[in-house]
């Protein structure tokens, strides 16, 4: 076995997409969007879906909004367009394995929702112990933007943690890697 300093499947420098490299240098906080709706016939339980998202912005105002770029082929997009609601979670360093599972780049035997403690909320499954989360109601038309779908959610509920959890730095992603917070 050989240990590589770079990702072993990384394309050679001249073949890399310059726009993707530009975006990677921006970096961003990693969030987890979840939703539920409909019923799984096999399990007779509400269908749940989630997706790791770092392409988003929060717009203040009355009402506030969350804008996100989602994968058009994701289970999450199908679930939240059917239900009209989603929960947007702020993740911390300790959630990096969960983020990878919901991104589909790490295994999650039994499904990614087994990798945390969850409770059902009005906007979808809510991960316990996050630094904050928002419940959003989808509004407006979905718009194709590049290889993504732009989703606008009106913020109906926000919870921001206090105590020890409030001081956790956000999970940041830059240039294809999570950024380890100072002191970790």
Protein backbone atom coordinates (compact mmCIF):
# COMPACT_ATOMS: atom_id res chain seq x y z
CA UNK A 1 0.00 0.00 0.00
CA UNK A 2 1.26 3.49 -0.85
CA UNK A 3 0.52 6.58 1.20
CA UNK A 4 -0.17 9.63 -0.97
CA UNK A 5 0.17 13.24 0.08
CA UNK A 6 -2.73 14.07 -2.26
CA UNK A 7 -6.00 12.36 -3.06
CA UNK A 8 -5.07 9.30 -5.16
CA UNK A 9 -7.87 9.92 -7.68
CA UNK A 10 -7.25 13.66 -8.10
CA UNK A 11 -7.13 14.72 -11.73
CA UNK A 12 -3.79 16.06 -13.00
CA UNK A 13 -3.40 19.83 -12.52
CA UNK A 14 -4.07 20.83 -16.16
CA UNK A 15 -7.30 18.77 -16.27
CA UNK A 16 -8.92 20.29 -13.17
CA UNK A 17 -11.96 22.55 -13.59
CA UNK A 18 -10.77 26.12 -12.88
CA UNK A 19 -14.20 27.29 -11.67
CA UNK A 20 -14.39 24.40 -9.20
CA UNK A 21 -10.89 25.28 -7.94
CA UNK A 22 -11.94 28.94 -7.57
CA UNK A 23 -15.04 27.94 -5.58
CA UNK A 24 -12.95 25.64 -3.39
CA UNK A 25 -10.76 28.54 -2.35
CA UNK A 26 -13.79 30.46 -1.05
CA UNK A 27 -14.49 27.89 1.62
CA UNK A 28 -17.69 27.72 3.55
CA UNK A 29 -19.50 26.51 6.60
CA UNK A 30 -20.88 23.00 6.29
CA UNK A 31 -24.59 22.55 6.93
CA UNK A 32 -26.87 19.56 6.89
CA UNK A 33 -30.30 19.92 5.30
CA UNK A 34 -32.91 17.34 6.28
CA UNK A 35 -36.53 16.73 5.45
CA UNK A 36 -39.24 14.17 5.83
CA UNK A 37 -42.47 13.43 4.12
CA UNK A 38 -44.42 10.68 2.49
CA UNK A 39 -44.23 7.17 3.85
CA UNK A 40 -41.87 4.33 3.15
CA UNK A 41 -44.11 1.39 2.27
CA UNK A 42 -41.57 -1.16 3.48
CA UNK A 43 -41.10 0.33 6.93
CA UNK A 44 -44.39 2.29 7.16
CA UNK A 45 -42.40 5.19 8.58
CA UNK A 46 -42.01 8.74 7.28
CA UNK A 47 -39.41 8.95 4.54
CA UNK A 48 -36.34 10.89 5.66
CA UNK A 49 -33.63 12.44 3.54
CA UNK A 50 -30.61 14.62 4.16
CA UNK A 51 -27.80 16.30 2.27
CA UNK A 52 -24.58 18.04 3.26
CA UNK A 53 -24.60 21.57 1.81
CA UNK A 54 -21.95 24.28 1.92
CA UNK A 55 -23.28 26.38 -0.98
CA UNK A 56 -25.77 28.54 0.86
CA UNK A 57 -26.41 32.00 2.20
CA UNK A 58 -28.64 33.46 4.87
CA UNK A 59 -30.48 36.68 4.07
CA UNK A 60 -31.75 38.74 6.98
CA UNK A 61 -35.08 40.54 6.83
CA UNK A 62 -38.73 40.10 7.67
CA UNK A 63 -38.97 37.28 6.95
CA UNK A 64 -35.42 35.99 6.76
CA UNK A 65 -34.47 33.48 4.09
CA UNK A 66 -32.00 30.70 3.46
CA UNK A 67 -30.86 30.15 -0.12
CA UNK A 68 -29.19 26.88 -0.97
CA UNK A 69 -27.80 25.10 -4.00
CA UNK A 70 -28.91 21.47 -3.89
CA UNK A 71 -28.16 18.43 -6.03
CA UNK A 72 -31.09 18.03 -8.46
CA UNK A 73 -30.81 14.23 -8.23
CA UNK A 74 -30.77 14.08 -4.43
CA UNK A 75 -33.40 12.30 -2.38
CA UNK A 76 -33.51 15.42 -0.22
CA UNK A 77 -34.72 17.65 -3.04
CA UNK A 78 -37.56 15.24 -3.83
CA UNK A 79 -38.60 14.99 -0.17
CA UNK A 80 -38.52 18.71 0.63
CA UNK A 81 -40.30 19.75 -2.55
CA UNK A 82 -43.07 17.29 -1.67
CA UNK A 83 -43.31 18.46 1.96
CA UNK A 84 -42.41 22.12 1.37
CA UNK A 85 -40.19 22.19 4.48
CA UNK A 86 -36.63 21.48 5.62
CA UNK A 87 -34.39 21.77 8.65
CA UNK A 88 -30.98 23.40 8.11
CA UNK A 89 -28.34 22.43 10.72
CA UNK A 90 -25.03 24.11 11.51
CA UNK A 91 -22.36 21.43 11.89
CA UNK A 92 -19.19 21.42 14.01
CA UNK A 93 -15.86 19.59 13.68
CA UNK A 94 -17.23 16.61 15.60
CA UNK A 95 -19.88 16.15 12.88
CA UNK A 96 -17.42 15.65 10.00
CA UNK A 97 -18.10 11.89 9.68
CA UNK A 98 -21.85 12.58 9.65
CA UNK A 99 -21.31 15.26 6.98
CA UNK A 100 -19.38 12.78 4.84
CA UNK A 101 -22.11 10.15 5.23
CA UNK A 102 -24.84 12.57 4.12
CA UNK A 103 -22.61 13.73 1.25
CA UNK A 104 -22.41 10.13 0.10
CA UNK A 105 -18.61 9.92 0.39
CA UNK A 106 -18.47 7.72 3.51
CA UNK A 107 -20.27 4.52 4.41
CA UNK A 108 -23.31 4.62 6.67
CA UNK A 109 -24.48 1.07 7.41
CA UNK A 110 -28.22 1.19 7.99
CA UNK A 111 -28.41 4.77 6.68
CA UNK A 112 -26.93 8.10 7.67
CA UNK A 113 -29.73 8.82 10.16
CA UNK A 114 -28.26 6.10 12.40
CA UNK A 115 -25.15 8.25 12.89
CA UNK A 116 -26.64 10.66 15.38
CA UNK A 117 -29.45 11.28 17.80
CA UNK A 118 -32.46 12.81 16.11
CA UNK A 119 -35.91 14.02 16.99
CA UNK A 120 -38.77 14.70 14.61
CA UNK A 121 -39.53 18.37 14.17
CA UNK A 122 -42.15 20.26 12.19
CA UNK A 123 -39.56 20.92 9.45
CA UNK A 124 -38.00 17.44 9.35
CA UNK A 125 -35.53 15.42 11.41
CA UNK A 126 -33.48 17.58 13.80
CA UNK A 127 -30.01 16.51 14.90
CA UNK A 128 -29.55 16.83 18.66
CA UNK A 129 -26.53 18.77 19.91
CA UNK A 130 -25.88 21.11 16.98
CA UNK A 131 -24.86 24.73 17.49
CA UNK A 132 -28.00 25.86 15.74
CA UNK A 133 -30.67 24.99 13.24
CA UNK A 134 -33.40 26.71 11.26
CA UNK A 135 -36.77 25.43 10.10
CA UNK A 136 -37.57 26.71 6.62
CA UNK A 137 -40.63 26.68 4.36
CA UNK A 138 -39.85 26.47 0.66
CA UNK A 139 -41.01 29.45 -1.32
CA UNK A 140 -40.97 30.30 -4.99
CA UNK A 141 -39.94 28.24 -7.94
CA UNK A 142 -36.91 26.02 -8.04
CA UNK A 143 -34.30 27.42 -10.41
CA UNK A 144 -31.58 25.47 -12.19
CA UNK A 145 -28.23 27.14 -11.59
CA UNK A 146 -25.30 25.36 -13.20
CA UNK A 147 -25.42 21.74 -12.04
CA UNK A 148 -27.53 22.62 -9.00
CA UNK A 149 -31.03 23.73 -8.07
CA UNK A 150 -31.47 27.00 -6.20
CA UNK A 151 -33.90 26.59 -3.30
CA UNK A 152 -35.27 29.52 -1.30
CA UNK A 153 -36.60 28.83 2.16
CA UNK A 154 -38.39 31.35 4.35
CA UNK A 155 -37.17 31.00 7.93
CA UNK A 156 -40.02 30.04 10.24
CA UNK A 157 -38.03 28.89 13.27
CA UNK A 158 -34.46 29.30 14.57
CA UNK A 159 -32.70 27.71 17.52
CA UNK A 160 -29.18 28.71 18.54
CA UNK A 161 -27.48 26.67 21.25
CA UNK A 162 -26.16 28.09 24.47
CA UNK A 163 -23.64 26.68 26.93
CA UNK A 164 -20.67 24.59 25.77
CA UNK A 165 -22.17 23.87 22.35
CA UNK A 166 -22.43 27.58 21.54
CA UNK A 167 -18.63 27.92 21.60
CA UNK A 168 -17.98 25.11 19.12
CA UNK A 169 -16.44 26.45 15.93
CA UNK A 170 -18.31 25.66 12.71
CA UNK A 171 -17.27 22.83 10.41
CA UNK A 172 -15.52 24.57 7.53
CA UNK A 173 -14.71 23.11 4.13
CA UNK A 174 -12.00 24.58 1.93
CA UNK A 175 -10.14 23.17 -1.06
CA UNK A 176 -11.67 19.73 -0.69
CA UNK A 177 -10.94 19.28 3.01
CA UNK A 178 -12.44 20.09 6.37
CA UNK A 179 -10.47 22.74 8.22
CA UNK A 180 -9.40 21.60 11.66
CA UNK A 181 -10.22 24.27 14.26
CA UNK A 182 -7.34 25.66 16.35
CA UNK A 183 -6.65 23.55 19.43
CA UNK A 184 -8.16 20.35 17.99
